[in-house]
Amino acid sequence: QVQLQESGPGLVKPSQTLSLTCTVSGGSYTTNDVYWTWIRQPPGKDLEWMGAITYYGLAYYNSSLKSRLSISSDTSKNQFTLQLNSVTPEDTAVYYCARGDHTTVAAGTFGHSVKRDDYTYWGQGTQVTVSS
C-alpha cells in the first residue's frame, strides 16, 4: 500500500517562500506514467491542481502559479518538494500530495476541476496559513 505524507511549516509570513515535502513509502517511487502531484484547497473553495513531476524530474505547472512555483524530485529519498515563492494570505490552504498519471496531468494543465477519484493515492493533507 502506497502512502504519502506531507511535511512542512504550518505558518508562513507574507512574501516568504513556502516549502513542503511529500515522502512516498510502501511502493515504488520510480514508476513510469506516475506523476507526483501537489493539490491545494483554500477555505471554502474547490481543490486546485498546482503541478506535478515525474520521478526523473519532468515537471508540469498550473499556468496561474508557474511564475512562483517550483517542484523537484529526489529519488534517493523517495520525496518530491514544492516551493511557492512570494506567498500571500490567498495561498492559505490545505495542501495535499497525490499520485496521478498522464490523464490527471493533462486535466490539470488544461484547468479542469480536480476529481479525487482520479488519483490513486493521497496524503492526509497539511494546513498552511499565510499570516504575519
Foldseek 3Di string as FASTA:
>chain_A
DKAKAKDFDQEAEAQAKGKIKIAIDDDDLQDPQKWKFKWWAAPPGAIATAWTAHQVGDIDGAPVQVVFWDKGHDNVRRMIMIMGGRDDQVPFTWMKIFIAGPVVRVCNNVPHGDDPVRTPYMHPTGTHGYHD
